[in-house]
Amino acid sequence: MAGINKVILIGNLGQKPEVKYGASGTAMANLSVATSESWKDKNTGEKQEKTEWHRVSLFGKLAEIAGQYLDKGSKVYVEGKLQTRKWQDKDGVDRYTTEVVISSFNGTLQMLDKRGGDAPQQQAPAAAAAPTAAAAAAPAQDPITPVDDNAFDDDIPF
């Protein structure tokens, strides 16, 4: 059986995307996406927070869209695959970079912020996903009541 290589992130950009063009004219963009989690320390009662930074690479029209519409602090939904590439630094030492790779045929970039305050949410056209047959056939469900996060003051189990 084949494995699954899928990454889903929802986070904020740490800087404006840097868009470059390859020799063939294909656009490439790099994003720096921050994801954060917070919890209340059971022993001290203090709020703790941890932020992870993720490198995301986009290609083609999706890269151009990111460069045009995204900015520092933008909230994004990213779906792609994890990929490690090998490269050499200026001293000839082998280096490795692991990143989330998104291309128009196997990934999604959705902009979660409202543009201009009143505009609807923006989604990159190349990343628009059609609903699955199972989702289309599923009956509508009642809204879910939000859970009070303060009710859970135990430690993280892992």
C-alpha atoms as a PDB file:
ATOM      1  CA  MET A   1       0.000   0.000   0.000  1.00  0.00           C
ATOM      2  CA  ALA A   2       1.255   3.482  -0.844  1.00  0.00           C
ATOM      3  CA  GLY A   3       1.774   6.071   1.890  1.00  0.00           C
ATOM      4  CA  ILE A   4       0.054   9.406   2.306  1.00  0.00           C
ATOM      5  CA  ASN A   5       2.019  12.647   2.285  1.00  0.00           C
ATOM      6  CA  LYS A   6      -0.383  15.454   3.195  1.00  0.00           C
ATOM      7  CA  VAL A   7       0.085  18.562   5.326  1.00  0.00           C
ATOM      8  CA  ILE A   8      -2.682  20.952   6.398  1.00  0.00           C
ATOM      9  CA  LEU A   9      -1.831  24.240   8.115  1.00  0.00           C
ATOM     10  CA  ILE A  10      -3.877  27.220   9.230  1.00  0.00           C
ATOM     11  CA  GLY A  11      -1.695  30.104  10.302  1.00  0.00           C
ATOM     12  CA  ASN A  12      -0.445  33.625   9.731  1.00  0.00           C
ATOM     13  CA  LEU A  13       2.286  34.823   7.388  1.00  0.00           C
ATOM     14  CA  GLY A  14       5.431  36.133   9.059  1.00  0.00           C
ATOM     15  CA  GLN A  15       6.336  38.290   6.061  1.00  0.00           C
ATOM     16  CA  LYS A  16       5.119  39.247   2.592  1.00  0.00           C
ATOM     17  CA  PRO A  17       5.658  36.364   0.123  1.00  0.00           C
ATOM     18  CA  GLU A  18       8.818  36.573  -1.946  1.00  0.00           C
ATOM     19  CA  VAL A  19       8.020  35.776  -5.597  1.00  0.00           C
ATOM     20  CA  LYS A  20      10.771  34.836  -8.051  1.00  0.00           C
ATOM     21  CA  TYR A  21      10.706  33.562 -11.621  1.00  0.00           C
ATOM     22  CA  GLY A  22      12.687  30.583 -12.915  1.00  0.00           C
ATOM     23  CA  ALA A  23      14.525  30.387 -16.236  1.00  0.00           C
ATOM     24  CA  SER A  24      11.394  28.939 -17.862  1.00  0.00           C
ATOM     25  CA  GLY A  25       9.284  31.860 -16.581  1.00  0.00           C
ATOM     26  CA  THR A  26       7.496  29.815 -13.900  1.00  0.00           C
ATOM     27  CA  ALA A  27       6.655  31.813 -10.777  1.00  0.00           C
ATOM     28  CA  MET A  28       7.884  30.507  -7.418  1.00  0.00           C
ATOM     29  CA  ALA A  29       6.958  31.942  -4.004  1.00  0.00           C
ATOM     30  CA  ASN A  30       8.104  31.166  -0.494  1.00  0.00           C
ATOM     31  CA  LEU A  31       5.858  31.726   2.514  1.00  0.00           C
ATOM     32  CA  SER A  32       6.742  31.674   6.174  1.00  0.00           C
ATOM     33  CA  VAL A  33       3.635  30.450   8.042  1.00  0.00           C
ATOM     34  CA  ALA A  34       3.323  30.561  11.833  1.00  0.00           C
ATOM     35  CA  THR A  35       1.038  28.201  13.718  1.00  0.00           C
ATOM     36  CA  SER A  36       0.491  28.740  17.430  1.00  0.00           C
ATOM     37  CA  GLU A  37      -1.016  26.767  20.253  1.00  0.00           C
ATOM     38  CA  SER A  38      -1.712  27.916  23.786  1.00  0.00           C
ATOM     39  CA  TRP A  39      -2.615  26.205  27.032  1.00  0.00           C
ATOM     40  CA  LYS A  40      -2.869  26.887  30.713  1.00  0.00           C
ATOM     41  CA  ASP A  41      -0.030  25.386  32.773  1.00  0.00           C
ATOM     42  CA  LYS A  42      -1.608  23.121  35.388  1.00  0.00           C
ATOM     43  CA  ASN A  43       1.115  23.767  37.995  1.00  0.00           C
ATOM     44  CA  THR A  44       1.519  27.545  37.724  1.00  0.00           C
ATOM     45  CA  GLY A  45      -1.831  28.547  36.209  1.00  0.00           C
ATOM     46  CA  GLU A  46      -0.006  30.706  33.656  1.00  0.00           C
ATOM     47  CA  LYS A  47      -0.966  30.787  30.019  1.00  0.00           C
ATOM     48  CA  GLN A  48       1.719  29.140  27.857  1.00  0.00           C
ATOM     49  CA  GLU A  49       2.125  29.588  24.105  1.00  0.00           C
ATOM     50  CA  LYS A  50       4.239  27.842  21.495  1.00  0.00           C
ATOM     51  CA  THR A  51       4.714  29.003  17.900  1.00  0.00           C
ATOM     52  CA  GLU A  52       6.040  26.827  15.071  1.00  0.00           C
ATOM     53  CA  TRP A  53       7.292  28.297  11.784  1.00  0.00           C
ATOM     54  CA  HIS A  54       6.701  26.424   8.522  1.00  0.00           C
ATOM     55  CA  ARG A  55       8.330  27.044   5.150  1.00  0.00           C
ATOM     56  CA  VAL A  56       5.806  26.777   2.296  1.00  0.00           C
ATOM     57  CA  SER A  57       6.701  26.832  -1.417  1.00  0.00           C
ATOM     58  CA  LEU A  58       4.199  27.680  -4.158  1.00  0.00           C
ATOM     59  CA  PHE A  59       4.577  27.348  -7.909  1.00  0.00           C
ATOM     60  CA  GLY A  60       2.872  28.688 -11.029  1.00  0.00           C
ATOM     61  CA  LYS A  61      -0.224  30.872 -10.978  1.00  0.00           C
ATOM     62  CA  LEU A  62      -0.743  30.131  -7.273  1.00  0.00           C
ATOM     63  CA  ALA A  63       2.623  31.772  -6.511  1.00  0.00           C
ATOM     64  CA  GLU A  64       1.637  34.864  -8.495  1.00  0.00           C
ATOM     65  CA  ILE A  65      -1.699  35.104  -6.654  1.00  0.00           C
ATOM     66  CA  ALA A  66       0.050  34.792  -3.289  1.00  0.00           C
ATOM     67  CA  GLY A  67       2.471  37.577  -4.198  1.00  0.00           C
ATOM     68  CA  GLN A  68      -0.373  39.811  -5.307  1.00  0.00           C
ATOM     69  CA  TYR A  69      -2.893  39.306  -2.484  1.00  0.00           C
ATOM     70  CA  LEU A  70      -1.028  38.120   0.621  1.00  0.00           C
ATOM     71  CA  ASP A  71       0.840  40.293   3.083  1.00  0.00           C
ATOM     72  CA  LYS A  72       2.536  39.991   6.468  1.00  0.00           C
ATOM     73  CA  GLY A  73      -0.005  38.782   9.030  1.00  0.00           C
ATOM     74  CA  SER A  74      -2.436  37.325   6.464  1.00  0.00           C
ATOM     75  CA  LYS A  75      -4.287  34.260   7.723  1.00  0.00           C
ATOM     76  CA  VAL A  76      -4.088  31.322   5.296  1.00  0.00           C
ATOM     77  CA  TYR A  77      -5.215  27.719   4.929  1.00  0.00           C
ATOM     78  CA  VAL A  78      -2.472  25.653   3.282  1.00  0.00           C
ATOM     79  CA  GLU A  79      -2.739  22.076   2.023  1.00  0.00           C
ATOM     80  CA  GLY A  80       0.209  20.413   0.347  1.00  0.00           C
ATOM     81  CA  LYS A  81       2.885  17.760   0.688  1.00  0.00           C
ATOM     82  CA  LEU A  82       6.008  17.602   2.819  1.00  0.00           C
ATOM     83  CA  GLN A  83       9.213  17.524   0.795  1.00  0.00           C
ATOM     84  CA  THR A  84      12.914  17.587   1.748  1.00  0.00           C
ATOM     85  CA  ARG A  85      15.459  18.861  -0.728  1.00  0.00           C
ATOM     86  CA  LYS A  86      19.234  18.789  -0.647  1.00  0.00           C
ATOM     87  CA  TRP A  87      21.385  21.790  -1.569  1.00  0.00           C
ATOM     88  CA  GLN A  88      24.941  23.030  -1.030  1.00  0.00           C
ATOM     89  CA  ASP A  89      25.910  26.210   0.781  1.00  0.00           C
ATOM     90  CA  LYS A  90      28.675  28.581  -0.361  1.00  0.00           C
ATOM     91  CA  ASP A  91      31.299  26.371   1.347  1.00  0.00           C
ATOM     92  CA  GLY A  92      30.127  23.249  -0.517  1.00  0.00           C
ATOM     93  CA  VAL A  93      28.539  21.702   2.584  1.00  0.00           C
ATOM     94  CA  ASP A  94      25.388  19.651   1.953  1.00  0.00           C
ATOM     95  CA  ARG A  95      22.289  21.177   3.560  1.00  0.00           C
ATOM     96  CA  TYR A  96      18.715  19.947   3.750  1.00  0.00           C
ATOM     97  CA  THR A  97      15.473  21.930   3.789  1.00  0.00           C
ATOM     98  CA  THR A  98      12.084  20.444   4.605  1.00  0.00           C
ATOM     99  CA  GLU A  99       9.090  22.410   3.370  1.00  0.00           C
ATOM    100  CA  VAL A 100       5.418  22.145   2.473  1.00  0.00           C
ATOM    101  CA  VAL A 101       5.136  22.192  -1.331  1.00  0.00           C
ATOM    102  CA  ILE A 102       1.976  23.373  -3.068  1.00  0.00           C
ATOM    103  CA  SER A 103       1.425  23.246  -6.792  1.00  0.00           C
ATOM    104  CA  SER A 104      -1.853  23.933  -8.573  1.00  0.00           C
ATOM    105  CA  PHE A 105      -2.617  20.263  -9.173  1.00  0.00           C
ATOM    106  CA  ASN A 106      -1.937  18.823  -5.711  1.00  0.00           C
ATOM    107  CA  GLY A 107      -2.457  21.550  -3.148  1.00  0.00           C
ATOM    108  CA  THR A 108      -4.588  24.364  -1.848  1.00  0.00           C
ATOM    109  CA  LEU A 109      -3.957  27.894  -0.706  1.00  0.00           C
ATOM    110  CA  GLN A 110      -6.983  29.651   0.720  1.00  0.00           C
ATOM    111  CA  MET A 111      -6.886  33.210   1.997  1.00  0.00           C
ATOM    112  CA  LEU A 112      -8.906  33.398   5.206  1.00  0.00           C
ATOM    113  CA  ASP A 113      -8.814  37.167   5.789  1.00  0.00           C
ATOM    114  CA  LYS A 114     -11.448  39.471   4.419  1.00  0.00           C
ATOM    115  CA  ARG A 115     -10.067  41.833   1.823  1.00  0.00           C
ATOM    116  CA  GLY A 116     -10.874  45.472   2.501  1.00  0.00           C
ATOM    117  CA  GLY A 117     -13.032  44.596   5.513  1.00  0.00           C
ATOM    118  CA  ASP A 118     -16.341  44.082   3.655  1.00  0.00           C
ATOM    119  CA  ALA A 119     -15.320  41.855   0.742  1.00  0.00           C
ATOM    120  CA  PRO A 120     -15.980  38.112   0.819  1.00  0.00           C
ATOM    121  CA  GLN A 121     -13.213  35.675   1.640  1.00  0.00           C
ATOM    122  CA  GLN A 122     -10.694  35.151  -1.146  1.00  0.00           C
ATOM    123  CA  GLN A 123      -9.696  31.745  -2.468  1.00  0.00           C
ATOM    124  CA  ALA A 124      -7.003  31.175  -5.037  1.00  0.00           C
ATOM    125  CA  PRO A 125      -8.753  30.031  -8.262  1.00  0.00           C
ATOM    126  CA  ALA A 126      -6.290  27.211  -8.928  1.00  0.00           C
ATOM    127  CA  ALA A 127      -6.947  25.846  -5.458  1.00  0.00           C
ATOM    128  CA  ALA A 128     -10.742  25.768  -5.573  1.00  0.00           C
ATOM    129  CA  ALA A 129     -11.894  22.314  -4.605  1.00  0.00           C
ATOM    130  CA  ALA A 130     -15.138  20.742  -5.776  1.00  0.00           C
ATOM    131  CA  PRO A 131     -17.203  19.077  -3.046  1.00  0.00           C
ATOM    132  CA  THR A 132     -16.943  15.320  -2.941  1.00  0.00           C
ATOM    133  CA  ALA A 133     -19.928  13.140  -3.741  1.00  0.00           C
ATOM    134  CA  ALA A 134     -20.094  12.009  -0.099  1.00  0.00           C
ATOM    135  CA  ALA A 135     -20.155  15.602   1.130  1.00  0.00           C
ATOM    136  CA  ALA A 136     -22.833  16.548  -1.381  1.00  0.00           C
ATOM    137  CA  ALA A 137     -25.020  13.619  -0.346  1.00  0.00           C
ATOM    138  CA  ALA A 138     -24.643  14.257   3.404  1.00  0.00           C
ATOM    139  CA  PRO A 139     -27.700  15.813   5.063  1.00  0.00           C
ATOM    140  CA  ALA A 140     -27.370  19.266   6.613  1.00  0.00           C
ATOM    141  CA  GLN A 141     -26.426  19.167  10.279  1.00  0.00           C
ATOM    142  CA  ASP A 142     -27.366  21.441  13.144  1.00  0.00           C
ATOM    143  CA  PRO A 143     -24.786  24.034  14.127  1.00  0.00           C
ATOM    144  CA  ILE A 144     -22.306  22.823  16.698  1.00  0.00           C
ATOM    145  CA  THR A 145     -22.126  24.650  20.015  1.00  0.00           C
ATOM    146  CA  PRO A 146     -18.590  25.894  20.732  1.00  0.00           C
ATOM    147  CA  VAL A 147     -16.717  24.173  23.554  1.00  0.00           C
ATOM    148  CA  ASP A 148     -15.511  26.240  26.519  1.00  0.00           C
ATOM    149  CA  ASP A 149     -11.707  25.831  26.388  1.00  0.00           C
ATOM    150  CA  ASN A 150     -11.400  26.851  30.033  1.00  0.00           C
ATOM    151  CA  ALA A 151     -13.185  23.640  31.063  1.00  0.00           C
ATOM    152  CA  PHE A 152     -10.103  21.668  30.000  1.00  0.00           C
ATOM    153  CA  ASP A 153      -7.291  22.516  32.407  1.00  0.00           C
ATOM    154  CA  ASP A 154      -5.476  19.176  32.319  1.00  0.00           C
ATOM    155  CA  ASP A 155      -2.052  18.649  30.763  1.00  0.00           C
ATOM    156  CA  ILE A 156      -1.569  17.846  27.118  1.00  0.00           C
ATOM    157  CA  PRO A 157      -1.442  14.022  26.900  1.00  0.00           C
ATOM    158  CA  PHE A 158       1.594  13.847  24.610  1.00  0.00           C
END
